[in-house]
Amino acid sequence: MSLMRATSAVFRRELQLFARRKSDWANPLMFFLIVCSLFPFAVGSESERLKLIGIGVIFVGALLAAMLSLPRLFDEDARDGSL
């Protein structure tokens, strides 16, 4: 089996597992949307300030949202004792 076929098979399997449990992708997505939409209320709605820090807010919001899915990433390894 070629490396490309093996990679695509693993990727398809992970997507199928990910699609089975809607909370695995819905919770981080909702968290990201809430962080990005509430941040202007905390900082102020001045467009120049938001232009300066907007990309950083999006990046940090995405990193924090990705941290919500980390327990699922290591769950199987912790259960079988390899972690």
N, C-alpha and C. Protein backbone atom coordinates (compact mmCIF):
# COMPACT_ATOMS: atom_id res chain seq x y z
N MET A 1 0.84 -1.17 0.00
CA MET A 1 0.00 0.00 0.00
C MET A 1 0.89 1.24 0.00
N SER A 2 0.56 2.17 -0.84
CA SER A 2 1.38 3.37 -0.93
C SER A 2 1.10 4.27 0.28
N LEU A 3 2.02 5.16 0.51
CA LEU A 3 1.90 6.08 1.63
C LEU A 3 0.68 6.97 1.48
N MET A 4 0.39 7.39 0.27
CA MET A 4 -0.76 8.27 0.03
C MET A 4 -2.07 7.54 0.32
N ARG A 5 -2.18 6.29 -0.09
CA ARG A 5 -3.40 5.52 0.16
C ARG A 5 -3.57 5.25 1.65
N ALA A 6 -2.48 4.96 2.33
CA ALA A 6 -2.55 4.71 3.77
C ALA A 6 -2.96 5.97 4.52
N THR A 7 -2.39 7.09 4.13
CA THR A 7 -2.73 8.35 4.76
C THR A 7 -4.19 8.71 4.55
N SER A 8 -4.67 8.52 3.33
CA SER A 8 -6.08 8.84 3.06
C SER A 8 -7.01 7.88 3.78
N ALA A 9 -6.62 6.63 3.94
CA ALA A 9 -7.46 5.67 4.68
C ALA A 9 -7.56 6.07 6.15
N VAL A 10 -6.45 6.45 6.75
CA VAL A 10 -6.46 6.89 8.15
C VAL A 10 -7.27 8.17 8.29
N PHE A 11 -7.12 9.09 7.35
CA PHE A 11 -7.84 10.35 7.39
C PHE A 11 -9.35 10.11 7.27
N ARG A 12 -9.76 9.23 6.36
CA ARG A 12 -11.19 8.91 6.21
C ARG A 12 -11.74 8.27 7.48
N ARG A 13 -10.98 7.36 8.08
CA ARG A 13 -11.42 6.71 9.32
C ARG A 13 -11.61 7.72 10.43
N GLU A 14 -10.66 8.63 10.58
CA GLU A 14 -10.77 9.65 11.62
C GLU A 14 -11.95 10.58 11.38
N LEU A 15 -12.20 10.93 10.13
CA LEU A 15 -13.36 11.77 9.83
C LEU A 15 -14.67 11.05 10.14
N GLN A 16 -14.74 9.76 9.86
CA GLN A 16 -15.94 9.00 10.19
C GLN A 16 -16.16 8.93 11.69
N LEU A 17 -15.10 8.69 12.44
CA LEU A 17 -15.21 8.67 13.89
C LEU A 17 -15.60 10.04 14.44
N PHE A 18 -15.05 11.06 13.85
CA PHE A 18 -15.32 12.43 14.26
C PHE A 18 -16.77 12.81 13.98
N ALA A 19 -17.31 12.33 12.86
CA ALA A 19 -18.68 12.66 12.48
C ALA A 19 -19.72 11.92 13.33
N ARG A 20 -19.34 10.82 13.94
CA ARG A 20 -20.29 10.07 14.76
C ARG A 20 -20.69 10.82 16.01
N ARG A 21 -19.73 11.46 16.63
CA ARG A 21 -20.02 12.20 17.86
C ARG A 21 -20.02 13.69 17.55
N LYS A 22 -21.22 14.23 17.43
CA LYS A 22 -21.37 15.64 17.03
C LYS A 22 -20.76 16.59 18.06
N SER A 23 -20.76 16.21 19.33
CA SER A 23 -20.23 17.11 20.35
C SER A 23 -18.72 17.30 20.21
N ASP A 24 -18.04 16.36 19.56
CA ASP A 24 -16.59 16.49 19.39
C ASP A 24 -16.22 17.67 18.50
N TRP A 25 -17.07 18.02 17.57
CA TRP A 25 -16.75 19.17 16.73
C TRP A 25 -17.65 20.36 17.01
N ALA A 26 -18.84 20.13 17.57
CA ALA A 26 -19.76 21.24 17.82
C ALA A 26 -19.32 22.09 19.01
N ASN A 27 -18.84 21.47 20.07
CA ASN A 27 -18.41 22.24 21.25
C ASN A 27 -17.24 23.17 20.95
N PRO A 28 -16.16 22.69 20.33
CA PRO A 28 -15.07 23.63 20.01
C PRO A 28 -15.49 24.72 19.02
N LEU A 29 -16.35 24.37 18.07
CA LEU A 29 -16.82 25.37 17.11
C LEU A 29 -17.64 26.45 17.79
N MET A 30 -18.55 26.06 18.66
CA MET A 30 -19.37 27.04 19.38
C MET A 30 -18.50 27.90 20.31
N PHE A 31 -17.54 27.28 20.97
CA PHE A 31 -16.63 28.04 21.83
C PHE A 31 -15.88 29.09 21.02
N PHE A 32 -15.36 28.69 19.86
CA PHE A 32 -14.63 29.62 19.00
C PHE A 32 -15.52 30.79 18.56
N LEU A 33 -16.73 30.48 18.16
CA LEU A 33 -17.65 31.54 17.73
C LEU A 33 -18.00 32.49 18.87
N ILE A 34 -18.20 31.95 20.05
CA ILE A 34 -18.53 32.79 21.20
C ILE A 34 -17.35 33.69 21.56
N VAL A 35 -16.13 33.13 21.58
CA VAL A 35 -14.95 33.93 21.91
C VAL A 35 -14.77 35.06 20.90
N CYS A 36 -14.88 34.74 19.62
CA CYS A 36 -14.65 35.75 18.59
C CYS A 36 -15.76 36.81 18.56
N SER A 37 -16.98 36.42 18.91
CA SER A 37 -18.05 37.42 18.87
C SER A 37 -18.11 38.26 20.13
N LEU A 38 -17.69 37.76 21.27
CA LEU A 38 -17.74 38.54 22.51
C LEU A 38 -16.50 39.39 22.74
N PHE A 39 -15.42 39.10 22.07
CA PHE A 39 -14.18 39.85 22.29
C PHE A 39 -14.32 41.34 22.00
N PRO A 40 -14.99 41.75 20.94
CA PRO A 40 -15.14 43.20 20.71
C PRO A 40 -15.89 43.91 21.83
N PHE A 41 -16.77 43.22 22.54
CA PHE A 41 -17.45 43.86 23.66
C PHE A 41 -16.48 44.15 24.80
N ALA A 42 -15.49 43.30 24.98
CA ALA A 42 -14.52 43.48 26.06
C ALA A 42 -13.50 44.56 25.72
N VAL A 43 -13.11 44.66 24.48
CA VAL A 43 -12.04 45.59 24.08
C VAL A 43 -12.59 46.93 23.64
N GLY A 44 -13.75 46.93 23.05
CA GLY A 44 -14.31 48.14 22.48
C GLY A 44 -14.49 47.94 20.98
N SER A 45 -15.34 48.72 20.41
CA SER A 45 -15.65 48.49 19.00
C SER A 45 -14.90 49.43 18.05
N GLU A 46 -13.82 50.01 18.49
CA GLU A 46 -13.03 50.88 17.62
C GLU A 46 -12.36 50.03 16.55
N SER A 47 -12.61 50.38 15.31
CA SER A 47 -12.16 49.53 14.20
C SER A 47 -10.63 49.44 14.11
N GLU A 48 -9.93 50.51 14.43
CA GLU A 48 -8.47 50.46 14.34
C GLU A 48 -7.88 49.49 15.37
N ARG A 49 -8.41 49.51 16.57
CA ARG A 49 -7.93 48.60 17.60
C ARG A 49 -8.25 47.15 17.22
N LEU A 50 -9.45 46.92 16.71
CA LEU A 50 -9.83 45.57 16.31
C LEU A 50 -9.00 45.07 15.13
N LYS A 51 -8.62 45.96 14.24
CA LYS A 51 -7.76 45.56 13.12
C LYS A 51 -6.38 45.12 13.62
N LEU A 52 -5.88 45.78 14.65
CA LEU A 52 -4.56 45.45 15.18
C LEU A 52 -4.55 44.10 15.91
N ILE A 53 -5.58 43.81 16.67
CA ILE A 53 -5.55 42.62 17.50
C ILE A 53 -6.48 41.52 17.01
N GLY A 54 -7.19 41.74 15.93
CA GLY A 54 -8.17 40.77 15.46
C GLY A 54 -7.59 39.42 15.08
N ILE A 55 -6.49 39.41 14.37
CA ILE A 55 -5.88 38.15 13.95
C ILE A 55 -5.39 37.37 15.17
N GLY A 56 -4.83 38.07 16.12
CA GLY A 56 -4.38 37.40 17.35
C GLY A 56 -5.53 36.79 18.12
N VAL A 57 -6.64 37.48 18.17
CA VAL A 57 -7.82 36.96 18.86
C VAL A 57 -8.33 35.70 18.18
N ILE A 58 -8.37 35.72 16.87
CA ILE A 58 -8.82 34.55 16.12
C ILE A 58 -7.87 33.38 16.35
N PHE A 59 -6.58 33.64 16.33
CA PHE A 59 -5.59 32.58 16.55
C PHE A 59 -5.70 31.99 17.95
N VAL A 60 -5.77 32.84 18.96
CA VAL A 60 -5.87 32.36 20.34
C VAL A 60 -7.21 31.64 20.56
N GLY A 61 -8.28 32.15 19.98
CA GLY A 61 -9.58 31.48 20.08
C GLY A 61 -9.55 30.10 19.45
N ALA A 62 -8.88 29.97 18.32
CA ALA A 62 -8.76 28.66 17.66
C ALA A 62 -7.91 27.71 18.50
N LEU A 63 -6.83 28.21 19.10
CA LEU A 63 -6.00 27.35 19.95
C LEU A 63 -6.75 26.89 21.19
N LEU A 64 -7.50 27.78 21.81
CA LEU A 64 -8.28 27.40 22.99
C LEU A 64 -9.38 26.41 22.62
N ALA A 65 -10.00 26.61 21.46
CA ALA A 65 -11.03 25.68 21.03
C ALA A 65 -10.44 24.31 20.72
N ALA A 66 -9.24 24.28 20.18
CA ALA A 66 -8.59 23.00 19.89
C ALA A 66 -8.25 22.26 21.18
N MET A 67 -7.98 23.00 22.24
CA MET A 67 -7.68 22.35 23.51
C MET A 67 -8.88 21.61 24.08
N LEU A 68 -10.08 22.00 23.68
CA LEU A 68 -11.27 21.29 24.15
C LEU A 68 -11.33 19.86 23.63
N SER A 69 -10.71 19.60 22.49
CA SER A 69 -10.75 18.26 21.92
C SER A 69 -9.55 17.40 22.31
N LEU A 70 -8.61 17.90 23.07
CA LEU A 70 -7.43 17.13 23.44
C LEU A 70 -7.73 15.90 24.29
N PRO A 71 -8.68 15.93 25.22
CA PRO A 71 -8.94 14.70 25.98
C PRO A 71 -9.34 13.52 25.09
N ARG A 72 -10.09 13.78 24.03
CA ARG A 72 -10.48 12.71 23.12
C ARG A 72 -9.26 12.15 22.38
N LEU A 73 -8.29 13.00 22.12
CA LEU A 73 -7.10 12.58 21.40
C LEU A 73 -6.31 11.54 22.19
N PHE A 74 -6.23 11.71 23.50
CA PHE A 74 -5.44 10.82 24.33
C PHE A 74 -6.27 9.78 25.07
N ASP A 75 -7.57 9.80 24.91
CA ASP A 75 -8.45 8.92 25.67
C ASP A 75 -8.18 7.44 25.41
N GLU A 76 -8.07 7.07 24.15
CA GLU A 76 -7.86 5.65 23.81
C GLU A 76 -6.50 5.17 24.32
N ASP A 77 -5.48 6.00 24.20
CA ASP A 77 -4.15 5.62 24.70
C ASP A 77 -4.15 5.46 26.21
N ALA A 78 -4.89 6.31 26.90
CA ALA A 78 -4.95 6.19 28.36
C ALA A 78 -5.70 4.93 28.78
N ARG A 79 -6.73 4.56 28.02
CA ARG A 79 -7.50 3.36 28.37
C ARG A 79 -6.70 2.08 28.16
N ASP A 80 -5.90 2.01 27.10
CA ASP A 80 -5.17 0.76 26.86
C ASP A 80 -3.81 0.73 27.58
N GLY A 81 -3.46 1.80 28.28
CA GLY A 81 -2.26 1.79 29.10
C GLY A 81 -0.99 2.18 28.39
N SER A 82 -1.06 2.59 27.14
CA SER A 82 0.16 2.96 26.41
C SER A 82 0.59 4.39 26.65
N LEU A 83 -0.23 5.17 27.30
CA LEU A 83 0.11 6.57 27.54
C LEU A 83 0.93 6.68 28.81
